[in-house]
Amino acid sequence: MPLIDPLAAVHPDAQLADSVQVGPFCIVEADVTIGDGCRLEARSTIKRGVRLGTQNYICEGAVLGGRPQSLGAGEVIGRLLIGDGNQIRENATLHCGLAPGKDTIVGDNNFFMVGVHIGHDCRIGNHTIMANNTMLGGHVTVEDRAFISGNVAVHQFCRIGSLAMVGGQARVTRDIPPFVTIDGESSLMVGLNRVGLKRAGFSRQEVADIKAAYRLAFRGELPWDEMLASLKQQFTGGPGAQFAEFLTGGTRGFVRERRELKGKTLKLHAPDSAAAGPEELRKAG
């Protein structure tokens, strides 16, 4: 039998595996399935239409399911499907799909920190990390092992490629290719996610192929169609081939690389002491 705190409210039609633990003041609605080894901490809410796999850890105040934040949502909505081994920390919110048959899907072994929001119809892969207050609009795709830092806002329908690293407070309005790093201040690409590639166990040759494909895609001077054709011709397998596959999809365009203009510097001029007296300089700070 599941271990349910007497202060929790669990609908009799909810299906809970025997090893599930439900803390005080939790709410589990009807039409919910919770798999083996899941643990719900106090005040977490699992709403109608949620399917939880095994070994998921849901922290205080998290809300899984519920109506999409969309004026287009009808009376009947989709579901929220969550895989195995996920950690969903305090006050995170994950919403159901917009319509029947259009579900929000979360894979396995993801880590969503405090205050993460995942909007309706999102597709989240495996082993992703989203830091505090990450916000995903509807229909966002996040591929395996992507890392999204704190306070990042992702526009609806954007895609974030596998092993991409998005810096804190970035504004993501276009697709982010796999393996790259996004600077949080400029929201532009600043090269490859070398640390992530190393931790993922990529070989030296695989990293070299990724680097060559990156240079061809973002630092070459070929027109777009010719660039894609060259990527497909030169990188027929391995991780380098993921660039061509990713760049042939999407609807919002792609994040640009941040490039510094050679020979251009910003010169800062000291105040002209002859034009400004001590009192004026003091007031200027």
C-alpha atoms as a PDB file:
ATOM      1  CA  MET A   1       0.000   0.000   0.000  1.00  0.00           C
ATOM      2  CA  PRO A   2       1.237   3.567  -0.695  1.00  0.00           C
ATOM      3  CA  LEU A   3       2.256   5.587   2.354  1.00  0.00           C
ATOM      4  CA  ILE A   4      -0.170   8.523   2.425  1.00  0.00           C
ATOM      5  CA  ASP A   5      -0.088  11.138   5.165  1.00  0.00           C
ATOM      6  CA  PRO A   6      -3.518  11.538   6.809  1.00  0.00           C
ATOM      7  CA  LEU A   7      -3.434  15.271   5.994  1.00  0.00           C
ATOM      8  CA  ALA A   8      -3.123  14.602   2.241  1.00  0.00           C
ATOM      9  CA  ALA A   9      -6.107  14.556  -0.127  1.00  0.00           C
ATOM     10  CA  VAL A  10      -5.854  11.700  -2.632  1.00  0.00           C
ATOM     11  CA  HIS A  11      -8.786  11.013  -4.945  1.00  0.00           C
ATOM     12  CA  PRO A  12      -9.973   7.394  -4.735  1.00  0.00           C
ATOM     13  CA  ASP A  13      -9.746   7.044  -8.528  1.00  0.00           C
ATOM     14  CA  ALA A  14      -6.037   7.986  -8.617  1.00  0.00           C
ATOM     15  CA  GLN A  15      -3.710   5.050  -9.262  1.00  0.00           C
ATOM     16  CA  LEU A  16      -0.702   4.975  -6.927  1.00  0.00           C
ATOM     17  CA  ALA A  17       1.910   2.214  -6.877  1.00  0.00           C
ATOM     18  CA  ASP A  18       2.504   0.467  -3.569  1.00  0.00           C
ATOM     19  CA  SER A  19       5.844   2.183  -2.871  1.00  0.00           C
ATOM     20  CA  VAL A  20       4.607   5.757  -3.421  1.00  0.00           C
ATOM     21  CA  GLN A  21       4.987   8.231  -0.526  1.00  0.00           C
ATOM     22  CA  VAL A  22       2.621  11.202  -0.218  1.00  0.00           C
ATOM     23  CA  GLY A  23       3.399  13.954   2.304  1.00  0.00           C
ATOM     24  CA  PRO A  24       1.033  16.208   4.283  1.00  0.00           C
ATOM     25  CA  PHE A  25      -1.257  18.668   2.490  1.00  0.00           C
ATOM     26  CA  CYS A  26      -0.579  17.099  -0.907  1.00  0.00           C
ATOM     27  CA  ILE A  27      -3.424  16.961  -3.430  1.00  0.00           C
ATOM     28  CA  VAL A  28      -3.726  14.133  -5.960  1.00  0.00           C
ATOM     29  CA  GLU A  29      -6.704  14.453  -8.295  1.00  0.00           C
ATOM     30  CA  ALA A  30      -8.592  11.807 -10.263  1.00  0.00           C
ATOM     31  CA  ASP A  31      -7.196  10.431 -13.545  1.00  0.00           C
ATOM     32  CA  VAL A  32      -3.634  10.430 -12.163  1.00  0.00           C
ATOM     33  CA  THR A  33      -1.116   7.583 -12.320  1.00  0.00           C
ATOM     34  CA  ILE A  34       1.982   7.580 -10.082  1.00  0.00           C
ATOM     35  CA  GLY A  35       4.631   4.882 -10.513  1.00  0.00           C
ATOM     36  CA  ASP A  36       6.842   2.951  -8.104  1.00  0.00           C
ATOM     37  CA  GLY A  37       9.226   4.839  -5.848  1.00  0.00           C
ATOM     38  CA  CYS A  38       7.753   8.303  -6.393  1.00  0.00           C
ATOM     39  CA  ARG A  39       7.841  10.671  -3.431  1.00  0.00           C
ATOM     40  CA  LEU A  40       5.605  13.703  -3.033  1.00  0.00           C
ATOM     41  CA  GLU A  41       6.715  16.235  -0.442  1.00  0.00           C
ATOM     42  CA  ALA A  42       4.298  18.469   1.488  1.00  0.00           C
ATOM     43  CA  ARG A  43       1.911  20.740  -0.451  1.00  0.00           C
ATOM     44  CA  SER A  44       2.745  19.329  -3.874  1.00  0.00           C
ATOM     45  CA  THR A  45      -0.210  19.001  -6.250  1.00  0.00           C
ATOM     46  CA  ILE A  46      -0.740  16.401  -8.979  1.00  0.00           C
ATOM     47  CA  LYS A  47      -3.658  17.410 -11.153  1.00  0.00           C
ATOM     48  CA  ARG A  48      -5.935  15.502 -13.487  1.00  0.00           C
ATOM     49  CA  GLY A  49      -4.308  13.973 -16.565  1.00  0.00           C
ATOM     50  CA  VAL A  50      -0.795  13.498 -15.149  1.00  0.00           C
ATOM     51  CA  ARG A  51       1.157  10.277 -15.680  1.00  0.00           C
ATOM     52  CA  LEU A  52       4.233   9.925 -13.477  1.00  0.00           C
ATOM     53  CA  GLY A  53       6.751   7.156 -14.133  1.00  0.00           C
ATOM     54  CA  THR A  54       8.983   5.653 -11.462  1.00  0.00           C
ATOM     55  CA  GLN A  55      11.406   7.121  -8.907  1.00  0.00           C
ATOM     56  CA  ASN A  56      10.349  10.753  -9.358  1.00  0.00           C
ATOM     57  CA  TYR A  57      10.954  13.192  -6.499  1.00  0.00           C
ATOM     58  CA  ILE A  58       8.425  16.054  -6.267  1.00  0.00           C
ATOM     59  CA  CYS A  59       9.241  18.821  -3.781  1.00  0.00           C
ATOM     60  CA  GLU A  60       7.146  21.207  -1.730  1.00  0.00           C
ATOM     61  CA  GLY A  61       4.685  23.401  -3.571  1.00  0.00           C
ATOM     62  CA  ALA A  62       5.285  21.934  -7.031  1.00  0.00           C
ATOM     63  CA  VAL A  63       2.211  21.763  -9.275  1.00  0.00           C
ATOM     64  CA  LEU A  64       2.154  19.116 -11.990  1.00  0.00           C
ATOM     65  CA  GLY A  65      -0.581  19.356 -14.597  1.00  0.00           C
ATOM     66  CA  GLY A  66      -3.373  21.868 -14.747  1.00  0.00           C
ATOM     67  CA  ARG A  67      -4.771  23.971 -17.537  1.00  0.00           C
ATOM     68  CA  PRO A  68      -2.417  25.557 -20.063  1.00  0.00           C
ATOM     69  CA  GLN A  69      -1.869  29.295 -19.763  1.00  0.00           C
ATOM     70  CA  SER A  70      -3.510  29.911 -23.113  1.00  0.00           C
ATOM     71  CA  LEU A  71      -6.777  31.547 -24.124  1.00  0.00           C
ATOM     72  CA  GLY A  72      -7.040  28.863 -26.802  1.00  0.00           C
ATOM     73  CA  ALA A  73      -7.427  26.012 -24.308  1.00  0.00           C
ATOM     74  CA  GLY A  74     -10.796  24.284 -24.522  1.00  0.00           C
ATOM     75  CA  GLU A  75     -12.763  22.479 -21.866  1.00  0.00           C
ATOM     76  CA  VAL A  76     -10.912  19.246 -22.611  1.00  0.00           C
ATOM     77  CA  ILE A  77      -7.114  19.468 -22.568  1.00  0.00           C
ATOM     78  CA  GLY A  78      -4.150  17.163 -23.106  1.00  0.00           C
ATOM     79  CA  ARG A  79      -2.033  15.362 -20.528  1.00  0.00           C
ATOM     80  CA  LEU A  80       1.326  15.739 -18.800  1.00  0.00           C
ATOM     81  CA  LEU A  81       3.513  12.666 -19.297  1.00  0.00           C
ATOM     82  CA  ILE A  82       6.625  12.406 -17.111  1.00  0.00           C
ATOM     83  CA  GLY A  83       9.189   9.606 -17.318  1.00  0.00           C
ATOM     84  CA  ASP A  84      11.446   8.138 -14.634  1.00  0.00           C
ATOM     85  CA  GLY A  85      14.002   9.472 -12.165  1.00  0.00           C
ATOM     86  CA  ASN A  86      13.187  13.183 -12.398  1.00  0.00           C
ATOM     87  CA  GLN A  87      13.745  15.728  -9.619  1.00  0.00           C
ATOM     88  CA  ILE A  88      11.198  18.535  -9.603  1.00  0.00           C
ATOM     89  CA  ARG A  89      12.046  21.068  -6.928  1.00  0.00           C
ATOM     90  CA  GLU A  90      10.010  23.554  -4.935  1.00  0.00           C
ATOM     91  CA  ASN A  91       7.242  25.581  -6.588  1.00  0.00           C
ATOM     92  CA  ALA A  92       7.933  24.323 -10.108  1.00  0.00           C
ATOM     93  CA  THR A  93       4.937  24.291 -12.475  1.00  0.00           C
ATOM     94  CA  LEU A  94       4.459  21.930 -15.425  1.00  0.00           C
ATOM     95  CA  HIS A  95       1.279  22.281 -17.466  1.00  0.00           C
ATOM     96  CA  CYS A  96      -0.743  19.828 -19.523  1.00  0.00           C
ATOM     97  CA  GLY A  97      -1.039  19.921 -23.303  1.00  0.00           C
ATOM     98  CA  LEU A  98      -3.339  22.342 -25.053  1.00  0.00           C
ATOM     99  CA  ALA A  99      -5.763  19.782 -26.509  1.00  0.00           C
ATOM    100  CA  PRO A 100      -6.496  16.033 -26.426  1.00  0.00           C
ATOM    101  CA  GLY A 101      -3.692  14.103 -28.095  1.00  0.00           C
ATOM    102  CA  LYS A 102      -1.283  17.031 -27.731  1.00  0.00           C
ATOM    103  CA  ASP A 103       0.539  16.278 -24.489  1.00  0.00           C
ATOM    104  CA  THR A 104       3.390  17.895 -22.587  1.00  0.00           C
ATOM    105  CA  ILE A 105       6.155  15.280 -22.451  1.00  0.00           C
ATOM    106  CA  VAL A 106       9.113  15.072 -20.054  1.00  0.00           C
ATOM    107  CA  GLY A 107      11.721  12.311 -20.376  1.00  0.00           C
ATOM    108  CA  ASP A 108      13.956  10.691 -17.761  1.00  0.00           C
ATOM    109  CA  ASN A 109      16.508  11.872 -15.166  1.00  0.00           C
ATOM    110  CA  ASN A 110      15.878  15.595 -15.549  1.00  0.00           C
ATOM    111  CA  PHE A 111      16.551  18.126 -12.792  1.00  0.00           C
ATOM    112  CA  PHE A 112      14.200  21.103 -12.577  1.00  0.00           C
ATOM    113  CA  MET A 113      15.204  23.558  -9.853  1.00  0.00           C
ATOM    114  CA  VAL A 114      13.104  25.980  -7.800  1.00  0.00           C
ATOM    115  CA  GLY A 115      10.429  27.897  -9.675  1.00  0.00           C
ATOM    116  CA  VAL A 116      10.942  26.311 -13.102  1.00  0.00           C
ATOM    117  CA  HIS A 117       7.950  26.687 -15.425  1.00  0.00           C
ATOM    118  CA  ILE A 118       7.355  24.327 -18.352  1.00  0.00           C
ATOM    119  CA  GLY A 119       4.491  25.455 -20.559  1.00  0.00           C
ATOM    120  CA  HIS A 120       1.955  23.418 -22.480  1.00  0.00           C
ATOM    121  CA  ASP A 121       3.016  21.067 -25.292  1.00  0.00           C
ATOM    122  CA  CYS A 122       6.721  21.239 -24.447  1.00  0.00           C
ATOM    123  CA  ARG A 123       9.017  18.316 -25.261  1.00  0.00           C
ATOM    124  CA  ILE A 124      11.833  17.756 -22.766  1.00  0.00           C
ATOM    125  CA  GLY A 125      14.445  15.063 -23.395  1.00  0.00           C
ATOM    126  CA  ASN A 126      16.611  13.207 -20.878  1.00  0.00           C
ATOM    127  CA  HIS A 127      19.258  14.384 -18.401  1.00  0.00           C
ATOM    128  CA  THR A 128      18.472  18.072 -18.862  1.00  0.00           C
ATOM    129  CA  ILE A 129      19.070  20.632 -16.094  1.00  0.00           C
ATOM    130  CA  MET A 130      17.024  23.801 -15.674  1.00  0.00           C
ATOM    131  CA  ALA A 131      18.149  26.195 -12.945  1.00  0.00           C
ATOM    132  CA  ASN A 132      15.976  28.429 -10.775  1.00  0.00           C
ATOM    133  CA  ASN A 133      13.152  30.360 -12.443  1.00  0.00           C
ATOM    134  CA  THR A 134      13.733  29.052 -15.955  1.00  0.00           C
ATOM    135  CA  MET A 135      10.597  29.786 -18.006  1.00  0.00           C
ATOM    136  CA  LEU A 136       9.616  27.819 -21.112  1.00  0.00           C
ATOM    137  CA  GLY A 137       6.752  29.035 -23.259  1.00  0.00           C
ATOM    138  CA  GLY A 138       4.426  26.629 -25.016  1.00  0.00           C
ATOM    139  CA  HIS A 139       5.657  24.149 -27.647  1.00  0.00           C
ATOM    140  CA  VAL A 140       9.340  24.483 -26.640  1.00  0.00           C
ATOM    141  CA  THR A 141      11.673  21.538 -27.315  1.00  0.00           C
ATOM    142  CA  VAL A 142      14.721  20.892 -25.114  1.00  0.00           C
ATOM    143  CA  GLU A 143      16.944  18.039 -26.259  1.00  0.00           C
ATOM    144  CA  ASP A 144      19.028  15.643 -24.153  1.00  0.00           C
ATOM    145  CA  ARG A 145      21.622  16.995 -21.696  1.00  0.00           C
ATOM    146  CA  ALA A 146      20.913  20.647 -22.374  1.00  0.00           C
ATOM    147  CA  PHE A 147      21.693  22.988 -19.463  1.00  0.00           C
ATOM    148  CA  ILE A 148      19.583  26.121 -18.962  1.00  0.00           C
ATOM    149  CA  SER A 149      20.830  28.541 -16.315  1.00  0.00           C
ATOM    150  CA  GLY A 150      18.748  30.652 -13.941  1.00  0.00           C
ATOM    151  CA  ASN A 151      16.183  33.268 -14.998  1.00  0.00           C
ATOM    152  CA  VAL A 152      16.269  32.256 -18.661  1.00  0.00           C
ATOM    153  CA  ALA A 153      13.113  32.976 -20.689  1.00  0.00           C
ATOM    154  CA  VAL A 154      12.456  30.811 -23.750  1.00  0.00           C
ATOM    155  CA  HIS A 155       9.939  31.985 -26.353  1.00  0.00           C
ATOM    156  CA  GLN A 156       7.243  29.579 -27.521  1.00  0.00           C
ATOM    157  CA  PHE A 157       8.101  27.170 -30.362  1.00  0.00           C
ATOM    158  CA  CYS A 158      11.866  27.554 -29.813  1.00  0.00           C
ATOM    159  CA  ARG A 159      14.184  24.533 -29.783  1.00  0.00           C
ATOM    160  CA  ILE A 160      17.299  24.017 -27.666  1.00  0.00           C
ATOM    161  CA  GLY A 161      19.686  21.393 -29.020  1.00  0.00           C
ATOM    162  CA  SER A 162      21.386  18.607 -27.113  1.00  0.00           C
ATOM    163  CA  LEU A 163      24.241  19.569 -24.792  1.00  0.00           C
ATOM    164  CA  ALA A 164      23.646  23.267 -25.374  1.00  0.00           C
ATOM    165  CA  MET A 165      24.568  25.530 -22.463  1.00  0.00           C
ATOM    166  CA  VAL A 166      22.401  28.641 -21.981  1.00  0.00           C
ATOM    167  CA  GLY A 167      23.811  31.361 -19.713  1.00  0.00           C
ATOM    168  CA  GLY A 168      21.836  33.022 -16.942  1.00  0.00           C
ATOM    169  CA  GLN A 169      19.177  35.626 -17.807  1.00  0.00           C
ATOM    170  CA  ALA A 170      19.397  34.911 -21.532  1.00  0.00           C
ATOM    171  CA  ARG A 171      16.391  35.764 -23.722  1.00  0.00           C
ATOM    172  CA  VAL A 172      15.880  32.883 -26.130  1.00  0.00           C
ATOM    173  CA  THR A 173      13.756  33.928 -29.105  1.00  0.00           C
ATOM    174  CA  ARG A 174      15.396  31.706 -31.754  1.00  0.00           C
ATOM    175  CA  ASP A 175      16.529  28.092 -31.945  1.00  0.00           C
ATOM    176  CA  ILE A 176      19.802  27.170 -30.222  1.00  0.00           C
ATOM    177  CA  PRO A 177      21.849  24.518 -32.093  1.00  0.00           C
ATOM    178  CA  PRO A 178      23.332  21.529 -30.265  1.00  0.00           C
ATOM    179  CA  PHE A 179      26.683  21.655 -28.421  1.00  0.00           C
ATOM    180  CA  VAL A 180      26.936  25.464 -28.252  1.00  0.00           C
ATOM    181  CA  THR A 181      27.211  27.979 -25.423  1.00  0.00           C
ATOM    182  CA  ILE A 182      24.912  31.002 -25.185  1.00  0.00           C
ATOM    183  CA  ASP A 183      26.135  34.101 -23.358  1.00  0.00           C
ATOM    184  CA  GLY A 184      23.516  35.258 -20.880  1.00  0.00           C
ATOM    185  CA  GLU A 185      24.185  38.974 -21.339  1.00  0.00           C
ATOM    186  CA  SER A 186      24.001  39.125 -25.128  1.00  0.00           C
ATOM    187  CA  SER A 187      21.881  35.986 -25.725  1.00  0.00           C
ATOM    188  CA  LEU A 188      24.264  35.108 -28.581  1.00  0.00           C
ATOM    189  CA  MET A 189      26.485  32.091 -29.285  1.00  0.00           C
ATOM    190  CA  VAL A 190      30.033  32.277 -27.971  1.00  0.00           C
ATOM    191  CA  GLY A 191      31.422  28.921 -29.120  1.00  0.00           C
ATOM    192  CA  LEU A 192      31.085  25.279 -28.108  1.00  0.00           C
ATOM    193  CA  ASN A 193      30.096  23.870 -24.729  1.00  0.00           C
ATOM    194  CA  ARG A 194      33.495  22.257 -24.215  1.00  0.00           C
ATOM    195  CA  VAL A 195      32.917  21.400 -20.556  1.00  0.00           C
ATOM    196  CA  GLY A 196      29.643  19.684 -21.357  1.00  0.00           C
ATOM    197  CA  LEU A 197      31.197  17.709 -24.207  1.00  0.00           C
ATOM    198  CA  LYS A 198      34.011  16.530 -21.956  1.00  0.00           C
ATOM    199  CA  ARG A 199      31.646  15.485 -19.171  1.00  0.00           C
ATOM    200  CA  ALA A 200      29.463  13.635 -21.672  1.00  0.00           C
ATOM    201  CA  GLY A 201      32.446  11.494 -22.657  1.00  0.00           C
ATOM    202  CA  PHE A 202      32.958  12.637 -26.238  1.00  0.00           C
ATOM    203  CA  SER A 203      36.262  11.507 -27.716  1.00  0.00           C
ATOM    204  CA  ARG A 204      38.898  13.926 -28.988  1.00  0.00           C
ATOM    205  CA  GLN A 205      37.996  13.022 -32.573  1.00  0.00           C
ATOM    206  CA  GLU A 206      34.290  13.577 -31.956  1.00  0.00           C
ATOM    207  CA  VAL A 207      35.006  16.995 -30.449  1.00  0.00           C
ATOM    208  CA  ALA A 208      37.191  17.838 -33.453  1.00  0.00           C
ATOM    209  CA  ASP A 209      34.341  16.883 -35.811  1.00  0.00           C
ATOM    210  CA  ILE A 210      31.878  19.012 -33.832  1.00  0.00           C
ATOM    211  CA  LYS A 211      34.302  21.948 -33.956  1.00  0.00           C
ATOM    212  CA  ALA A 212      34.755  21.582 -37.736  1.00  0.00           C
ATOM    213  CA  ALA A 213      30.999  21.407 -38.297  1.00  0.00           C
ATOM    214  CA  TYR A 214      30.478  24.457 -36.096  1.00  0.00           C
ATOM    215  CA  ARG A 215      33.039  26.483 -38.047  1.00  0.00           C
ATOM    216  CA  LEU A 216      31.464  25.501 -41.347  1.00  0.00           C
ATOM    217  CA  ALA A 217      27.969  26.375 -40.155  1.00  0.00           C
ATOM    218  CA  PHE A 218      28.621  29.627 -38.313  1.00  0.00           C
ATOM    219  CA  ARG A 219      31.965  31.014 -39.455  1.00  0.00           C
ATOM    220  CA  GLY A 220      31.962  30.121 -43.111  1.00  0.00           C
ATOM    221  CA  GLU A 221      30.823  32.440 -45.865  1.00  0.00           C
ATOM    222  CA  LEU A 222      28.663  30.012 -47.864  1.00  0.00           C
ATOM    223  CA  PRO A 223      25.029  30.841 -48.618  1.00  0.00           C
ATOM    224  CA  TRP A 224      22.576  28.986 -46.382  1.00  0.00           C
ATOM    225  CA  ASP A 225      21.581  26.227 -48.820  1.00  0.00           C
ATOM    226  CA  GLU A 226      25.180  25.580 -49.841  1.00  0.00           C
ATOM    227  CA  MET A 227      26.243  25.485 -46.200  1.00  0.00           C
ATOM    228  CA  LEU A 228      23.608  22.856 -45.374  1.00  0.00           C
ATOM    229  CA  ALA A 229      24.608  20.795 -48.403  1.00  0.00           C
ATOM    230  CA  SER A 230      28.272  20.941 -47.352  1.00  0.00           C
ATOM    231  CA  LEU A 231      27.396  19.887 -43.799  1.00  0.00           C
ATOM    232  CA  LYS A 232      25.446  16.884 -45.063  1.00  0.00           C
ATOM    233  CA  GLN A 233      28.249  15.915 -47.444  1.00  0.00           C
ATOM    234  CA  GLN A 234      31.156  16.291 -45.024  1.00  0.00           C
ATOM    235  CA  PHE A 235      29.501  14.989 -41.836  1.00  0.00           C
ATOM    236  CA  THR A 236      27.549  11.853 -42.652  1.00  0.00           C
ATOM    237  CA  GLY A 237      27.670  10.357 -39.157  1.00  0.00           C
ATOM    238  CA  GLY A 238      28.668  11.008 -35.577  1.00  0.00           C
ATOM    239  CA  PRO A 239      27.818  14.094 -33.528  1.00  0.00           C
ATOM    240  CA  GLY A 240      28.929  16.484 -36.284  1.00  0.00           C
ATOM    241  CA  ALA A 241      25.973  15.312 -38.380  1.00  0.00           C
ATOM    242  CA  GLN A 242      23.559  16.695 -35.778  1.00  0.00           C
ATOM    243  CA  PHE A 243      24.169  20.254 -36.987  1.00  0.00           C
ATOM    244  CA  ALA A 244      22.701  19.628 -40.437  1.00  0.00           C
ATOM    245  CA  GLU A 245      19.767  17.728 -38.971  1.00  0.00           C
ATOM    246  CA  PHE A 246      18.990  20.484 -36.491  1.00  0.00           C
ATOM    247  CA  LEU A 247      19.458  23.369 -38.911  1.00  0.00           C
ATOM    248  CA  THR A 248      17.016  21.901 -41.432  1.00  0.00           C
ATOM    249  CA  GLY A 249      14.144  22.142 -38.919  1.00  0.00           C
ATOM    250  CA  GLY A 250      12.474  24.787 -36.799  1.00  0.00           C
ATOM    251  CA  THR A 251      10.297  27.793 -37.491  1.00  0.00           C
ATOM    252  CA  ARG A 252      11.952  30.666 -35.599  1.00  0.00           C
ATOM    253  CA  GLY A 253      15.405  30.930 -37.150  1.00  0.00           C
ATOM    254  CA  PHE A 254      18.663  30.433 -35.283  1.00  0.00           C
ATOM    255  CA  VAL A 255      20.691  32.306 -32.693  1.00  0.00           C
ATOM    256  CA  ARG A 256      23.615  34.210 -34.218  1.00  0.00           C
ATOM    257  CA  GLU A 257      27.225  34.016 -33.119  1.00  0.00           C
ATOM    258  CA  ARG A 258      28.662  36.935 -31.182  1.00  0.00           C
ATOM    259  CA  ARG A 259      31.591  38.219 -33.211  1.00  0.00           C
ATOM    260  CA  GLU A 260      33.891  41.036 -32.271  1.00  0.00           C
ATOM    261  CA  LEU A 261      34.948  43.372 -35.073  1.00  0.00           C
ATOM    262  CA  LYS A 262      38.721  43.264 -35.484  1.00  0.00           C
ATOM    263  CA  GLY A 263      40.499  46.550 -34.933  1.00  0.00           C
ATOM    264  CA  LYS A 264      37.476  48.163 -33.291  1.00  0.00           C
ATOM    265  CA  THR A 265      37.808  49.390 -29.725  1.00  0.00           C
ATOM    266  CA  LEU A 266      35.697  51.497 -27.423  1.00  0.00           C
ATOM    267  CA  LYS A 267      37.691  54.443 -26.117  1.00  0.00           C
ATOM    268  CA  LEU A 268      36.763  55.953 -22.788  1.00  0.00           C
ATOM    269  CA  HIS A 269      37.722  59.627 -22.403  1.00  0.00           C
ATOM    270  CA  ALA A 270      38.654  61.131 -19.049  1.00  0.00           C
ATOM    271  CA  PRO A 271      36.742  64.271 -18.008  1.00  0.00           C
ATOM    272  CA  ASP A 272      38.269  67.527 -19.241  1.00  0.00           C
ATOM    273  CA  SER A 273      39.475  69.171 -16.026  1.00  0.00           C
ATOM    274  CA  ALA A 274      39.716  72.521 -17.776  1.00  0.00           C
ATOM    275  CA  ALA A 275      36.043  72.415 -18.696  1.00  0.00           C
ATOM    276  CA  ALA A 276      34.741  71.081 -15.392  1.00  0.00           C
ATOM    277  CA  GLY A 277      35.643  72.412 -11.988  1.00  0.00           C
ATOM    278  CA  PRO A 278      35.972  70.399  -8.758  1.00  0.00           C
ATOM    279  CA  GLU A 279      32.340  71.035  -7.763  1.00  0.00           C
ATOM    280  CA  GLU A 280      30.982  69.800 -11.113  1.00  0.00           C
ATOM    281  CA  LEU A 281      33.187  66.686 -10.997  1.00  0.00           C
ATOM    282  CA  ARG A 282      32.030  65.922  -7.454  1.00  0.00           C
ATOM    283  CA  LYS A 283      28.384  66.106  -8.458  1.00  0.00           C
ATOM    284  CA  ALA A 284      29.056  63.795 -11.419  1.00  0.00           C
ATOM    285  CA  GLY A 285      30.312  61.092  -9.044  1.00  0.00           C
END
